């Protein structure tokens, strides 16, 4: 399970991850937070496959779609 916290500007502010690969995923999220990465800049990044590193970016792409729907309302 992965939950991301994204501020009103689309910047990744935090995250929670539970599971076998949680430490690796949290490390990637921590890096994105330190970089002050926004979801629009990293949504197209595709990590090596197969790996658990795809999970944060799948969540980011989902968040971008959700933000687009909110903007169009």
C-alpha atoms as a PDB file:
ATOM      1  CA  UNK A   1       0.000   0.000   0.000  1.00  0.00           C
ATOM      2  CA  UNK A   2       1.235   3.480  -0.851  1.00  0.00           C
ATOM      3  CA  UNK A   3      -0.288   6.850  -0.030  1.00  0.00           C
ATOM      4  CA  UNK A   4       1.269  10.127  -1.153  1.00  0.00           C
ATOM      5  CA  UNK A   5       0.682  13.560   0.307  1.00  0.00           C
ATOM      6  CA  UNK A   6       0.707  16.305  -2.317  1.00  0.00           C
ATOM      7  CA  UNK A   7       0.348  20.001  -1.528  1.00  0.00           C
ATOM      8  CA  UNK A   8      -1.855  22.500  -3.386  1.00  0.00           C
ATOM      9  CA  UNK A   9       0.963  23.251  -5.855  1.00  0.00           C
ATOM     10  CA  UNK A  10       1.421  19.592  -6.796  1.00  0.00           C
ATOM     11  CA  UNK A  11       4.646  19.211  -4.776  1.00  0.00           C
ATOM     12  CA  UNK A  12       5.157  15.859  -3.090  1.00  0.00           C
ATOM     13  CA  UNK A  13       5.049  16.534   0.657  1.00  0.00           C
ATOM     14  CA  UNK A  14       5.080  13.045   2.180  1.00  0.00           C
ATOM     15  CA  UNK A  15       4.163   9.431   1.848  1.00  0.00           C
ATOM     16  CA  UNK A  16       3.319   6.233   3.669  1.00  0.00           C
ATOM     17  CA  UNK A  17       4.177   2.790   2.397  1.00  0.00           C
ATOM     18  CA  UNK A  18       3.491  -0.646   3.855  1.00  0.00           C
ATOM     19  CA  UNK A  19       4.832  -3.864   2.391  1.00  0.00           C
ATOM     20  CA  UNK A  20       7.913  -5.916   1.619  1.00  0.00           C
ATOM     21  CA  UNK A  21       9.605  -3.258  -0.505  1.00  0.00           C
ATOM     22  CA  UNK A  22       8.508  -0.298   1.649  1.00  0.00           C
ATOM     23  CA  UNK A  23      12.047   0.794   2.582  1.00  0.00           C
ATOM     24  CA  UNK A  24      13.057   1.098  -1.083  1.00  0.00           C
ATOM     25  CA  UNK A  25       9.885   2.945  -2.031  1.00  0.00           C
ATOM     26  CA  UNK A  26      10.129   5.328   0.940  1.00  0.00           C
ATOM     27  CA  UNK A  27      13.741   6.085  -0.039  1.00  0.00           C
ATOM     28  CA  UNK A  28      12.558   7.154  -3.507  1.00  0.00           C
ATOM     29  CA  UNK A  29       9.755   9.251  -2.015  1.00  0.00           C
ATOM     30  CA  UNK A  30      12.236  10.880   0.406  1.00  0.00           C
ATOM     31  CA  UNK A  31      14.441  11.811  -2.543  1.00  0.00           C
ATOM     32  CA  UNK A  32      11.483  13.336  -4.398  1.00  0.00           C
ATOM     33  CA  UNK A  33      10.538  15.320  -1.280  1.00  0.00           C
ATOM     34  CA  UNK A  34      14.111  16.585  -0.840  1.00  0.00           C
ATOM     35  CA  UNK A  35      14.143  17.637  -4.517  1.00  0.00           C
ATOM     36  CA  UNK A  36      10.804  19.430  -3.967  1.00  0.00           C
ATOM     37  CA  UNK A  37       9.587  17.522  -7.008  1.00  0.00           C
ATOM     38  CA  UNK A  38       6.154  18.274  -8.305  1.00  0.00           C
ATOM     39  CA  UNK A  39       3.973  15.590  -9.786  1.00  0.00           C
ATOM     40  CA  UNK A  40       3.932  17.208 -13.224  1.00  0.00           C
ATOM     41  CA  UNK A  41       7.732  17.033 -13.575  1.00  0.00           C
ATOM     42  CA  UNK A  42       8.090  13.388 -12.579  1.00  0.00           C
ATOM     43  CA  UNK A  43       4.901  11.819 -13.946  1.00  0.00           C
ATOM     44  CA  UNK A  44       6.600  10.591 -17.145  1.00  0.00           C
ATOM     45  CA  UNK A  45       9.570   8.954 -15.402  1.00  0.00           C
ATOM     46  CA  UNK A  46       9.630   5.194 -15.955  1.00  0.00           C
ATOM     47  CA  UNK A  47      11.975   3.241 -13.649  1.00  0.00           C
ATOM     48  CA  UNK A  48      13.584  -0.078 -14.508  1.00  0.00           C
ATOM     49  CA  UNK A  49      11.026  -2.828 -14.844  1.00  0.00           C
ATOM     50  CA  UNK A  50      10.157  -5.018 -13.034  1.00  0.00           C
ATOM     51  CA  UNK A  51      10.858  -3.317  -9.732  1.00  0.00           C
ATOM     52  CA  UNK A  52       9.064  -1.815  -6.787  1.00  0.00           C
ATOM     53  CA  UNK A  53      10.274   1.623  -7.897  1.00  0.00           C
ATOM     54  CA  UNK A  54       7.375   1.787 -10.326  1.00  0.00           C
ATOM     55  CA  UNK A  55       4.850   2.071  -7.494  1.00  0.00           C
ATOM     56  CA  UNK A  56       5.539   5.717  -6.508  1.00  0.00           C
ATOM     57  CA  UNK A  57       5.432   6.826 -10.130  1.00  0.00           C
ATOM     58  CA  UNK A  58       2.192   4.945 -10.786  1.00  0.00           C
ATOM     59  CA  UNK A  59       0.710   6.775  -7.775  1.00  0.00           C
ATOM     60  CA  UNK A  60       2.029  10.087  -9.131  1.00  0.00           C
ATOM     61  CA  UNK A  61       0.432   9.468 -12.541  1.00  0.00           C
ATOM     62  CA  UNK A  62      -2.845   8.663 -10.786  1.00  0.00           C
ATOM     63  CA  UNK A  63      -2.595  11.908  -8.789  1.00  0.00           C
ATOM     64  CA  UNK A  64      -1.974  13.919 -11.965  1.00  0.00           C
ATOM     65  CA  UNK A  65      -5.131  12.474 -13.529  1.00  0.00           C
ATOM     66  CA  UNK A  66      -7.059  13.328 -10.365  1.00  0.00           C
ATOM     67  CA  UNK A  67      -5.727  16.924 -10.380  1.00  0.00           C
ATOM     68  CA  UNK A  68      -6.678  17.327 -14.053  1.00  0.00           C
ATOM     69  CA  UNK A  69     -10.242  16.225 -13.275  1.00  0.00           C
ATOM     70  CA  UNK A  70     -10.443  18.766 -10.428  1.00  0.00           C
ATOM     71  CA  UNK A  71      -9.161  21.560 -12.663  1.00  0.00           C
ATOM     72  CA  UNK A  72     -11.815  20.807 -15.301  1.00  0.00           C
ATOM     73  CA  UNK A  73     -14.742  20.999 -12.856  1.00  0.00           C
END
